[in-house]
PDB file of all heavy atoms in Angstrom:
ATOM      1  N   ILE A   1       0.474  -8.539   7.967  1.00  0.00           N
ATOM      2  CA  ILE A   1      -0.514  -8.385   6.879  1.00  0.00           C
ATOM      3  C   ILE A   1      -0.458  -9.819   6.053  1.00  0.00           C
ATOM      4  O   ILE A   1      -1.393 -10.413   5.578  1.00  0.00           O
ATOM      5  CB  ILE A   1      -0.271  -7.321   5.986  1.00  0.00           C
ATOM      6  CG1 ILE A   1      -0.752  -5.986   6.776  1.00  0.00           C
ATOM      7  CG2 ILE A   1      -0.984  -7.275   4.685  1.00  0.00           C
ATOM      8  CD1 ILE A   1      -0.329  -4.585   6.341  1.00  0.00           C
ATOM      9  N   PHE A   2       0.799 -10.267   5.664  1.00  0.00           N
ATOM     10  CA  PHE A   2       1.100 -11.385   4.984  1.00  0.00           C
ATOM     11  C   PHE A   2       0.418 -12.563   5.707  1.00  0.00           C
ATOM     12  O   PHE A   2      -0.247 -13.374   5.081  1.00  0.00           O
ATOM     13  CB  PHE A   2       2.584 -11.612   4.698  1.00  0.00           C
ATOM     14  CG  PHE A   2       3.005 -11.107   3.439  1.00  0.00           C
ATOM     15  CD1 PHE A   2       3.340  -9.752   3.303  1.00  0.00           C
ATOM     16  CD2 PHE A   2       3.368 -12.063   2.433  1.00  0.00           C
ATOM     17  CE1 PHE A   2       3.895  -9.196   2.042  1.00  0.00           C
ATOM     18  CE2 PHE A   2       3.852 -11.502   1.177  1.00  0.00           C
ATOM     19  CZ  PHE A   2       4.158 -10.176   1.030  1.00  0.00           C
ATOM     20  N   PHE A   3       0.748 -12.637   6.913  1.00  0.00           N
ATOM     21  CA  PHE A   3       0.255 -13.844   7.728  1.00  0.00           C
ATOM     22  C   PHE A   3      -1.206 -13.923   7.659  1.00  0.00           C
ATOM     23  O   PHE A   3      -1.840 -15.041   7.373  1.00  0.00           O
ATOM     24  CB  PHE A   3       0.689 -13.624   9.154  1.00  0.00           C
ATOM     25  CG  PHE A   3       0.190 -14.667  10.002  1.00  0.00           C
ATOM     26  CD1 PHE A   3       0.623 -16.005  10.073  1.00  0.00           C
ATOM     27  CD2 PHE A   3      -0.828 -14.404  11.050  1.00  0.00           C
ATOM     28  CE1 PHE A   3       0.273 -17.018  10.969  1.00  0.00           C
ATOM     29  CE2 PHE A   3      -1.238 -15.425  11.876  1.00  0.00           C
ATOM     30  CZ  PHE A   3      -0.701 -16.719  11.774  1.00  0.00           C
ATOM     31  N   PHE A   4      -1.996 -12.822   7.872  1.00  0.00           N
ATOM     32  CA  PHE A   4      -3.402 -12.873   7.930  1.00  0.00           C
ATOM     33  C   PHE A   4      -4.047 -12.958   6.568  1.00  0.00           C
ATOM     34  O   PHE A   4      -5.020 -13.647   6.354  1.00  0.00           O
ATOM     35  CB  PHE A   4      -3.986 -11.707   8.755  1.00  0.00           C
ATOM     36  CG  PHE A   4      -3.835 -11.890  10.222  1.00  0.00           C
ATOM     37  CD1 PHE A   4      -3.004 -11.082  10.945  1.00  0.00           C
ATOM     38  CD2 PHE A   4      -4.443 -12.953  10.947  1.00  0.00           C
ATOM     39  CE1 PHE A   4      -2.724 -11.224  12.285  1.00  0.00           C
ATOM     40  CE2 PHE A   4      -4.275 -13.119  12.296  1.00  0.00           C
ATOM     41  CZ  PHE A   4      -3.461 -12.266  12.947  1.00  0.00           C
ATOM     42  N   LEU A   5      -3.274 -12.265   5.578  1.00  0.00           N
ATOM     43  CA  LEU A   5      -3.768 -12.326   4.259  1.00  0.00           C
ATOM     44  C   LEU A   5      -3.744 -13.917   3.705  1.00  0.00           C
ATOM     45  O   LEU A   5      -4.549 -14.396   3.082  1.00  0.00           O
ATOM     46  CB  LEU A   5      -2.955 -11.532   3.349  1.00  0.00           C
ATOM     47  CG  LEU A   5      -3.387 -11.515   1.754  1.00  0.00           C
ATOM     48  CD1 LEU A   5      -4.891 -10.998   1.648  1.00  0.00           C
ATOM     49  CD2 LEU A   5      -2.468 -10.621   0.991  1.00  0.00           C
ATOM     50  N   GLY A   6      -2.703 -14.543   4.064  1.00  0.00           N
ATOM     51  CA  GLY A   6      -2.549 -15.908   3.700  1.00  0.00           C
ATOM     52  C   GLY A   6      -3.603 -16.813   4.319  1.00  0.00           C
ATOM     53  O   GLY A   6      -4.165 -17.680   3.715  1.00  0.00           O
ATOM     54  N   LEU A   7      -3.986 -16.537   5.673  1.00  0.00           N
ATOM     55  CA  LEU A   7      -5.014 -17.222   6.354  1.00  0.00           C
ATOM     56  C   LEU A   7      -6.307 -16.999   5.659  1.00  0.00           C
ATOM     57  O   LEU A   7      -7.211 -17.922   5.510  1.00  0.00           O
ATOM     58  CB  LEU A   7      -5.064 -16.936   7.803  1.00  0.00           C
ATOM     59  CG  LEU A   7      -3.797 -17.529   8.603  1.00  0.00           C
ATOM     60  CD1 LEU A   7      -4.204 -17.129  10.053  1.00  0.00           C
ATOM     61  CD2 LEU A   7      -3.869 -19.127   8.514  1.00  0.00           C
ATOM     62  N   ILE A   8      -6.572 -15.766   5.137  1.00  0.00           N
ATOM     63  CA  ILE A   8      -7.855 -15.461   4.486  1.00  0.00           C
ATOM     64  C   ILE A   8      -7.942 -16.293   3.131  1.00  0.00           C
ATOM     65  O   ILE A   8      -8.982 -16.748   2.824  1.00  0.00           O
ATOM     66  CB  ILE A   8      -7.880 -13.969   4.185  1.00  0.00           C
ATOM     67  CG1 ILE A   8      -8.507 -13.308   5.329  1.00  0.00           C
ATOM     68  CG2 ILE A   8      -8.915 -13.679   2.907  1.00  0.00           C
ATOM     69  CD1 ILE A   8      -8.811 -11.831   5.231  1.00  0.00           C
ATOM     70  N   LEU A   9      -6.796 -16.332   2.368  1.00  0.00           N
ATOM     71  CA  LEU A   9      -6.781 -17.161   1.171  1.00  0.00           C
ATOM     72  C   LEU A   9      -7.077 -18.624   1.486  1.00  0.00           C
ATOM     73  O   LEU A   9      -7.714 -19.410   0.786  1.00  0.00           O
ATOM     74  CB  LEU A   9      -5.466 -16.956   0.407  1.00  0.00           C
ATOM     75  CG  LEU A   9      -5.244 -15.640  -0.138  1.00  0.00           C
ATOM     76  CD1 LEU A   9      -3.752 -15.475  -0.780  1.00  0.00           C
ATOM     77  CD2 LEU A   9      -6.257 -15.294  -1.205  1.00  0.00           C
ATOM     78  N   ALA A  10      -6.533 -19.140   2.630  1.00  0.00           N
ATOM     79  CA  ALA A  10      -6.723 -20.589   3.068  1.00  0.00           C
ATOM     80  C   ALA A  10      -8.198 -20.770   3.561  1.00  0.00           C
ATOM     81  O   ALA A  10      -8.774 -21.822   3.396  1.00  0.00           O
ATOM     82  CB  ALA A  10      -5.787 -20.892   4.158  1.00  0.00           C
ATOM     83  N   HIS A  11      -8.743 -19.700   4.055  1.00  0.00           N
ATOM     84  CA  HIS A  11     -10.098 -19.684   4.675  1.00  0.00           C
ATOM     85  C   HIS A  11     -10.905 -18.542   4.242  1.00  0.00           C
ATOM     86  O   HIS A  11     -11.259 -17.606   5.158  1.00  0.00           O
ATOM     87  CB  HIS A  11     -10.051 -19.816   6.210  1.00  0.00           C
ATOM     88  CG  HIS A  11      -9.122 -20.916   6.754  1.00  0.00           C
ATOM     89  ND1 HIS A  11      -9.540 -22.236   6.899  1.00  0.00           N
ATOM     90  CD2 HIS A  11      -7.839 -20.955   7.055  1.00  0.00           C
ATOM     91  CE1 HIS A  11      -8.547 -22.959   7.196  1.00  0.00           C
ATOM     92  NE2 HIS A  11      -7.492 -22.142   7.446  1.00  0.00           N
ATOM     93  N   PRO A  12     -11.256 -18.398   3.030  1.00  0.00           N
ATOM     94  CA  PRO A  12     -11.963 -17.186   2.508  1.00  0.00           C
ATOM     95  C   PRO A  12     -13.417 -17.079   3.034  1.00  0.00           C
ATOM     96  O   PRO A  12     -14.177 -17.777   2.534  1.00  0.00           O
ATOM     97  CB  PRO A  12     -11.749 -17.266   0.996  1.00  0.00           C
ATOM     98  CG  PRO A  12     -11.724 -18.738   0.790  1.00  0.00           C
ATOM     99  CD  PRO A  12     -11.031 -19.353   1.960  1.00  0.00           C
ATOM    100  N   ASN A  13     -13.674 -16.284   4.024  1.00  0.00           N
ATOM    101  CA  ASN A  13     -15.044 -16.059   4.405  1.00  0.00           C
ATOM    102  C   ASN A  13     -15.250 -14.565   4.752  1.00  0.00           C
ATOM    103  O   ASN A  13     -14.329 -13.761   4.886  1.00  0.00           O
ATOM    104  CB  ASN A  13     -15.301 -16.965   5.621  1.00  0.00           C
ATOM    105  CG  ASN A  13     -14.403 -16.632   6.934  1.00  0.00           C
ATOM    106  OD1 ASN A  13     -14.473 -15.450   7.334  1.00  0.00           O
ATOM    107  ND2 ASN A  13     -13.688 -17.677   7.364  1.00  0.00           N
ATOM    108  N   ILE A  14     -16.528 -14.257   4.675  1.00  0.00           N
ATOM    109  CA  ILE A  14     -16.933 -12.851   4.887  1.00  0.00           C
ATOM    110  C   ILE A  14     -16.353 -12.277   6.180  1.00  0.00           C
ATOM    111  O   ILE A  14     -15.835 -11.133   6.187  1.00  0.00           O
ATOM    112  CB  ILE A  14     -18.399 -12.606   4.828  1.00  0.00           C
ATOM    113  CG1 ILE A  14     -18.890 -13.064   3.417  1.00  0.00           C
ATOM    114  CG2 ILE A  14     -18.894 -11.308   5.197  1.00  0.00           C
ATOM    115  CD1 ILE A  14     -20.511 -13.195   3.350  1.00  0.00           C
ATOM    116  N   ALA A  15     -16.540 -12.906   7.259  1.00  0.00           N
ATOM    117  CA  ALA A  15     -16.007 -12.379   8.531  1.00  0.00           C
ATOM    118  C   ALA A  15     -14.559 -12.053   8.545  1.00  0.00           C
ATOM    119  O   ALA A  15     -14.152 -10.836   8.877  1.00  0.00           O
ATOM    120  CB  ALA A  15     -16.361 -13.362   9.688  1.00  0.00           C
ATOM    121  N   PHE A  16     -13.720 -12.962   8.020  1.00  0.00           N
ATOM    122  CA  PHE A  16     -12.290 -12.740   7.937  1.00  0.00           C
ATOM    123  C   PHE A  16     -11.901 -11.531   7.087  1.00  0.00           C
ATOM    124  O   PHE A  16     -11.156 -10.636   7.494  1.00  0.00           O
ATOM    125  CB  PHE A  16     -11.621 -14.093   7.430  1.00  0.00           C
ATOM    126  CG  PHE A  16     -10.403 -14.379   8.088  1.00  0.00           C
ATOM    127  CD1 PHE A  16      -9.880 -15.754   7.937  1.00  0.00           C
ATOM    128  CD2 PHE A  16      -9.512 -13.475   8.764  1.00  0.00           C
ATOM    129  CE1 PHE A  16      -8.700 -16.057   8.490  1.00  0.00           C
ATOM    130  CE2 PHE A  16      -8.375 -13.773   9.330  1.00  0.00           C
ATOM    131  CZ  PHE A  16      -7.924 -15.132   9.178  1.00  0.00           C
ATOM    132  N   ILE A  17     -12.620 -11.451   5.952  1.00  0.00           N
ATOM    133  CA  ILE A  17     -12.310 -10.447   4.919  1.00  0.00           C
ATOM    134  C   ILE A  17     -12.687  -9.150   5.563  1.00  0.00           C
ATOM    135  O   ILE A  17     -11.895  -8.131   5.409  1.00  0.00           O
ATOM    136  CB  ILE A  17     -13.037 -10.671   3.573  1.00  0.00           C
ATOM    137  CG1 ILE A  17     -12.410 -11.928   2.888  1.00  0.00           C
ATOM    138  CG2 ILE A  17     -12.914  -9.507   2.697  1.00  0.00           C
ATOM    139  CD1 ILE A  17     -13.099 -12.487   1.776  1.00  0.00           C
ATOM    140  N   CYS A  18     -13.914  -9.077   6.135  1.00  0.00           N
ATOM    141  CA  CYS A  18     -14.335  -7.741   6.708  1.00  0.00           C
ATOM    142  C   CYS A  18     -13.512  -7.315   7.781  1.00  0.00           C
ATOM    143  O   CYS A  18     -13.081  -6.088   7.899  1.00  0.00           O
ATOM    144  CB  CYS A  18     -15.822  -7.833   7.122  1.00  0.00           C
ATOM    145  SG  CYS A  18     -16.980  -7.964   5.830  1.00  0.00           S
ATOM    146  N   VAL A  19     -13.112  -8.148   8.740  1.00  0.00           N
ATOM    147  CA  VAL A  19     -12.190  -7.623   9.853  1.00  0.00           C
ATOM    148  C   VAL A  19     -10.889  -7.302   9.350  1.00  0.00           C
ATOM    149  O   VAL A  19     -10.363  -6.262   9.802  1.00  0.00           O
ATOM    150  CB  VAL A  19     -12.232  -8.799  11.017  1.00  0.00           C
ATOM    151  CG1 VAL A  19     -11.155  -8.523  12.014  1.00  0.00           C
ATOM    152  CG2 VAL A  19     -13.648  -9.081  11.562  1.00  0.00           C
ATOM    153  N   LEU A  20     -10.205  -8.094   8.433  1.00  0.00           N
ATOM    154  CA  LEU A  20      -8.817  -7.782   8.048  1.00  0.00           C
ATOM    155  C   LEU A  20      -8.858  -6.500   7.214  1.00  0.00           C
ATOM    156  O   LEU A  20      -8.170  -5.564   7.517  1.00  0.00           O
ATOM    157  CB  LEU A  20      -8.280  -8.844   7.090  1.00  0.00           C
ATOM    158  CG  LEU A  20      -6.849  -8.666   6.731  1.00  0.00           C
ATOM    159  CD1 LEU A  20      -5.951  -8.669   7.950  1.00  0.00           C
ATOM    160  CD2 LEU A  20      -6.401  -9.567   5.594  1.00  0.00           C
ATOM    161  N   PHE A  21      -9.662  -6.331   6.223  1.00  0.00           N
ATOM    162  CA  PHE A  21      -9.761  -5.165   5.285  1.00  0.00           C
ATOM    163  C   PHE A  21     -10.396  -3.983   5.807  1.00  0.00           C
ATOM    164  O   PHE A  21     -10.041  -2.864   5.520  1.00  0.00           O
ATOM    165  CB  PHE A  21     -10.146  -5.492   3.904  1.00  0.00           C
ATOM    166  CG  PHE A  21      -9.128  -6.546   3.202  1.00  0.00           C
ATOM    167  CD1 PHE A  21      -9.523  -7.841   3.065  1.00  0.00           C
ATOM    168  CD2 PHE A  21      -7.958  -6.066   2.747  1.00  0.00           C
ATOM    169  CE1 PHE A  21      -8.579  -8.711   2.417  1.00  0.00           C
ATOM    170  CE2 PHE A  21      -7.090  -6.892   2.100  1.00  0.00           C
ATOM    171  CZ  PHE A  21      -7.432  -8.277   2.011  1.00  0.00           C
ATOM    172  N   GLY A  22     -11.614  -4.255   6.532  1.00  0.00           N
ATOM    173  CA  GLY A  22     -12.294  -3.203   7.017  1.00  0.00           C
ATOM    174  C   GLY A  22     -11.947  -2.556   8.323  1.00  0.00           C
ATOM    175  O   GLY A  22     -12.084  -1.336   8.654  1.00  0.00           O
ATOM    176  N   LEU A  23     -11.273  -3.307   9.125  1.00  0.00           N
ATOM    177  CA  LEU A  23     -10.780  -2.901  10.447  1.00  0.00           C
ATOM    178  C   LEU A  23      -9.266  -2.941  10.635  1.00  0.00           C
ATOM    179  O   LEU A  23      -8.588  -1.917  10.991  1.00  0.00           O
ATOM    180  CB  LEU A  23     -11.420  -3.700  11.602  1.00  0.00           C
ATOM    181  CG  LEU A  23     -13.049  -3.520  11.636  1.00  0.00           C
ATOM    182  CD1 LEU A  23     -13.527  -4.611  12.708  1.00  0.00           C
ATOM    183  CD2 LEU A  23     -13.351  -2.120  12.079  1.00  0.00           C
ATOM    184  N   TYR A  24      -8.634  -4.145  10.602  1.00  0.00           N
ATOM    185  CA  TYR A  24      -7.275  -4.287  10.939  1.00  0.00           C
ATOM    186  C   TYR A  24      -6.288  -3.590  10.187  1.00  0.00           C
ATOM    187  O   TYR A  24      -5.428  -2.823  10.644  1.00  0.00           O
ATOM    188  CB  TYR A  24      -6.938  -5.882  10.969  1.00  0.00           C
ATOM    189  CG  TYR A  24      -5.529  -6.052  11.460  1.00  0.00           C
ATOM    190  CD1 TYR A  24      -5.299  -5.969  12.820  1.00  0.00           C
ATOM    191  CD2 TYR A  24      -4.620  -6.503  10.524  1.00  0.00           C
ATOM    192  CE1 TYR A  24      -3.992  -6.193  13.228  1.00  0.00           C
ATOM    193  CE2 TYR A  24      -3.241  -6.732  11.102  1.00  0.00           C
ATOM    194  CZ  TYR A  24      -3.015  -6.629  12.432  1.00  0.00           C
ATOM    195  OH  TYR A  24      -1.721  -6.894  12.869  1.00  0.00           O
ATOM    196  N   ILE A  25      -6.355  -3.719   8.784  1.00  0.00           N
ATOM    197  CA  ILE A  25      -5.306  -2.976   8.006  1.00  0.00           C
ATOM    198  C   ILE A  25      -5.494  -1.503   8.076  1.00  0.00           C
ATOM    199  O   ILE A  25      -4.423  -0.869   8.268  1.00  0.00           O
ATOM    200  CB  ILE A  25      -5.476  -3.514   6.523  1.00  0.00           C
ATOM    201  CG1 ILE A  25      -4.879  -4.955   6.458  1.00  0.00           C
ATOM    202  CG2 ILE A  25      -4.696  -2.620   5.647  1.00  0.00           C
ATOM    203  CD1 ILE A  25      -4.944  -5.598   4.988  1.00  0.00           C
ATOM    204  N   PRO A  26      -6.604  -0.880   8.112  1.00  0.00           N
ATOM    205  CA  PRO A  26      -6.714   0.595   8.234  1.00  0.00           C
ATOM    206  C   PRO A  26      -6.259   1.028   9.618  1.00  0.00           C
ATOM    207  O   PRO A  26      -5.368   1.992   9.679  1.00  0.00           O
ATOM    208  CB  PRO A  26      -8.237   0.962   8.188  1.00  0.00           C
ATOM    209  CG  PRO A  26      -8.823  -0.233   7.381  1.00  0.00           C
ATOM    210  CD  PRO A  26      -8.018  -1.456   7.712  1.00  0.00           C
ATOM    211  N   ILE A  27      -6.624   0.340  10.648  1.00  0.00           N
ATOM    212  CA  ILE A  27      -5.990   0.916  11.902  1.00  0.00           C
ATOM    213  C   ILE A  27      -4.406   0.534  12.092  1.00  0.00           C
ATOM    214  O   ILE A  27      -3.732   1.250  12.716  1.00  0.00           O
ATOM    215  CB  ILE A  27      -6.746   0.195  13.139  1.00  0.00           C
ATOM    216  CG1 ILE A  27      -6.678   1.104  14.361  1.00  0.00           C
ATOM    217  CG2 ILE A  27      -6.381  -1.079  13.521  1.00  0.00           C
ATOM    218  CD1 ILE A  27      -7.741   1.608  14.985  1.00  0.00           C
ATOM    219  N   LEU A  28      -4.022  -0.547  11.471  1.00  0.00           N
ATOM    220  CA  LEU A  28      -2.495  -0.845  11.458  1.00  0.00           C
ATOM    221  C   LEU A  28      -1.775   0.259  10.620  1.00  0.00           C
ATOM    222  O   LEU A  28      -0.793   0.722  11.084  1.00  0.00           O
ATOM    223  CB  LEU A  28      -2.293  -2.154  10.835  1.00  0.00           C
ATOM    224  CG  LEU A  28      -0.835  -2.766  10.932  1.00  0.00           C
ATOM    225  CD1 LEU A  28      -0.599  -3.128  12.411  1.00  0.00           C
ATOM    226  CD2 LEU A  28      -0.757  -4.058  10.065  1.00  0.00           C
ATOM    227  N   HIS A  29      -2.309   0.599   9.485  1.00  0.00           N
ATOM    228  CA  HIS A  29      -1.793   1.690   8.658  1.00  0.00           C
ATOM    229  C   HIS A  29      -1.632   2.939   9.479  1.00  0.00           C
ATOM    230  O   HIS A  29      -0.684   3.664   9.435  1.00  0.00           O
ATOM    231  CB  HIS A  29      -2.492   1.952   7.333  1.00  0.00           C
ATOM    232  CG  HIS A  29      -1.928   2.950   6.555  1.00  0.00           C
ATOM    233  ND1 HIS A  29      -0.787   2.803   5.759  1.00  0.00           N
ATOM    234  CD2 HIS A  29      -2.360   4.205   6.255  1.00  0.00           C
ATOM    235  CE1 HIS A  29      -0.574   3.805   5.179  1.00  0.00           C
ATOM    236  NE2 HIS A  29      -1.395   4.742   5.339  1.00  0.00           N
ATOM    237  N   ARG A  30      -2.763   3.331  10.244  1.00  0.00           N
ATOM    238  CA  ARG A  30      -2.706   4.504  11.102  1.00  0.00           C
ATOM    239  C   ARG A  30      -1.599   4.411  12.121  1.00  0.00           C
ATOM    240  O   ARG A  30      -0.998   5.384  12.318  1.00  0.00           O
ATOM    241  CB  ARG A  30      -4.104   4.698  11.743  1.00  0.00           C
ATOM    242  CG  ARG A  30      -4.236   5.763  12.738  1.00  0.00           C
ATOM    243  CD  ARG A  30      -5.216   5.481  13.685  1.00  0.00           C
ATOM    244  NE  ARG A  30      -5.198   6.338  14.879  1.00  0.00           N
ATOM    245  CZ  ARG A  30      -4.515   6.165  15.866  1.00  0.00           C
ATOM    246  NH1 ARG A  30      -3.808   5.028  15.949  1.00  0.00           N
ATOM    247  NH2 ARG A  30      -4.465   6.999  16.844  1.00  0.00           N
ATOM    248  N   GLN A  31      -1.384   3.280  12.712  1.00  0.00           N
ATOM    249  CA  GLN A  31      -0.424   3.067  13.680  1.00  0.00           C
ATOM    250  C   GLN A  31       0.930   3.225  13.034  1.00  0.00           C
ATOM    251  O   GLN A  31       1.955   3.900  13.650  1.00  0.00           O
ATOM    252  CB  GLN A  31      -0.351   1.711  14.320  1.00  0.00           C
ATOM    253  CG  GLN A  31       0.543   1.401  15.326  1.00  0.00           C
ATOM    254  CD  GLN A  31       0.313   2.295  16.692  1.00  0.00           C
ATOM    255  OE1 GLN A  31      -0.781   2.659  16.913  1.00  0.00           O
ATOM    256  NE2 GLN A  31       1.404   2.533  17.394  1.00  0.00           N
ATOM    257  N   ILE A  32       1.075   2.667  11.880  1.00  0.00           N
ATOM    258  CA  ILE A  32       2.416   2.895  11.103  1.00  0.00           C
ATOM    259  C   ILE A  32       2.682   4.393  10.791  1.00  0.00           C
ATOM    260  O   ILE A  32       3.829   4.768  11.088  1.00  0.00           O
ATOM    261  CB  ILE A  32       2.395   2.155   9.835  1.00  0.00           C
ATOM    262  CG1 ILE A  32       2.447   0.681  10.155  1.00  0.00           C
ATOM    263  CG2 ILE A  32       3.504   2.460   8.804  1.00  0.00           C
ATOM    264  CD1 ILE A  32       2.146  -0.279   8.889  1.00  0.00           C
ATOM    265  N   ILE A  33       1.725   5.105  10.420  1.00  0.00           N
ATOM    266  CA  ILE A  33       1.934   6.588  10.149  1.00  0.00           C
ATOM    267  C   ILE A  33       2.289   7.276  11.393  1.00  0.00           C
ATOM    268  O   ILE A  33       3.172   8.119  11.425  1.00  0.00           O
ATOM    269  CB  ILE A  33       0.641   7.191   9.541  1.00  0.00           C
ATOM    270  CG1 ILE A  33       0.286   6.501   8.100  1.00  0.00           C
ATOM    271  CG2 ILE A  33       0.822   8.683   9.385  1.00  0.00           C
ATOM    272  CD1 ILE A  33       1.270   6.634   7.187  1.00  0.00           C
ATOM    273  N   ARG A  34       1.654   6.915  12.587  1.00  0.00           N
ATOM    274  CA  ARG A  34       1.967   7.605  13.819  1.00  0.00           C
ATOM    275  C   ARG A  34       3.360   7.282  14.241  1.00  0.00           C
ATOM    276  O   ARG A  34       4.100   8.101  14.737  1.00  0.00           O
ATOM    277  CB  ARG A  34       0.901   7.184  14.942  1.00  0.00           C
ATOM    278  CG  ARG A  34      -0.292   7.687  14.658  1.00  0.00           C
ATOM    279  CD  ARG A  34      -1.362   7.520  15.837  1.00  0.00           C
ATOM    280  NE  ARG A  34      -0.886   8.391  17.046  1.00  0.00           N
ATOM    281  CZ  ARG A  34      -0.309   7.820  18.161  1.00  0.00           C
ATOM    282  NH1 ARG A  34      -0.164   6.705  18.308  1.00  0.00           N
ATOM    283  NH2 ARG A  34       0.189   8.780  19.056  1.00  0.00           N
ATOM    284  N   GLU A  35       3.844   5.969  14.031  1.00  0.00           N
ATOM    285  CA  GLU A  35       5.036   5.613  14.509  1.00  0.00           C
ATOM    286  C   GLU A  35       6.115   6.296  13.471  1.00  0.00           C
ATOM    287  O   GLU A  35       7.179   6.813  14.030  1.00  0.00           O
ATOM    288  CB  GLU A  35       5.307   4.051  14.444  1.00  0.00           C
ATOM    289  CG  GLU A  35       4.510   3.349  15.482  1.00  0.00           C
ATOM    290  CD  GLU A  35       4.705   1.851  15.613  1.00  0.00           C
ATOM    291  OE1 GLU A  35       5.579   1.303  14.896  1.00  0.00           O
ATOM    292  OE2 GLU A  35       3.887   1.317  16.292  1.00  0.00           O
ATOM    293  N   GLU A  36       5.871   6.359  12.245  1.00  0.00           N
ATOM    294  CA  GLU A  36       6.794   7.016  11.244  1.00  0.00           C
ATOM    295  C   GLU A  36       6.945   8.484  11.604  1.00  0.00           C
ATOM    296  O   GLU A  36       7.982   8.973  11.576  1.00  0.00           O
ATOM    297  CB  GLU A  36       6.430   6.752   9.826  1.00  0.00           C
ATOM    298  CG  GLU A  36       6.710   5.368   9.491  1.00  0.00           C
ATOM    299  CD  GLU A  36       6.465   5.087   7.990  1.00  0.00           C
ATOM    300  OE1 GLU A  36       5.924   5.944   7.319  1.00  0.00           O
ATOM    301  OE2 GLU A  36       6.800   4.060   7.519  1.00  0.00           O
ATOM    302  N   ASP A  37       5.883   9.217  11.986  1.00  0.00           N
ATOM    303  CA  ASP A  37       5.968  10.613  12.392  1.00  0.00           C
ATOM    304  C   ASP A  37       6.869  10.689  13.544  1.00  0.00           C
ATOM    305  O   ASP A  37       7.647  11.612  13.643  1.00  0.00           O
ATOM    306  CB  ASP A  37       4.587  11.100  12.709  1.00  0.00           C
ATOM    307  CG  ASP A  37       3.692  11.268  11.499  1.00  0.00           C
ATOM    308  OD1 ASP A  37       4.275  11.365  10.397  1.00  0.00           O
ATOM    309  OD2 ASP A  37       2.447  11.505  11.730  1.00  0.00           O
ATOM    310  N   PHE A  38       6.697   9.782  14.524  1.00  0.00           N
ATOM    311  CA  PHE A  38       7.650   9.845  15.721  1.00  0.00           C
ATOM    312  C   PHE A  38       9.155   9.622  15.360  1.00  0.00           C
ATOM    313  O   PHE A  38      10.016  10.343  15.742  1.00  0.00           O
ATOM    314  CB  PHE A  38       7.250   8.853  16.791  1.00  0.00           C
ATOM    315  CG  PHE A  38       8.289   8.611  17.903  1.00  0.00           C
ATOM    316  CD1 PHE A  38       8.399   9.586  18.913  1.00  0.00           C
ATOM    317  CD2 PHE A  38       9.121   7.539  17.861  1.00  0.00           C
ATOM    318  CE1 PHE A  38       9.468   9.486  19.819  1.00  0.00           C
ATOM    319  CE2 PHE A  38      10.048   7.389  18.815  1.00  0.00           C
ATOM    320  CZ  PHE A  38      10.240   8.305  19.783  1.00  0.00           C
TER     321      PHE A  38
END
């Protein structure tokens, strides 16, 4: 998250923001919850 958030700040564009916040972070959070349950 830090890595890609930093890249977004360096290259702030709609595509990057939508993919990171709309897709990547939610699915990553879901994966974290699944791993923590295990």
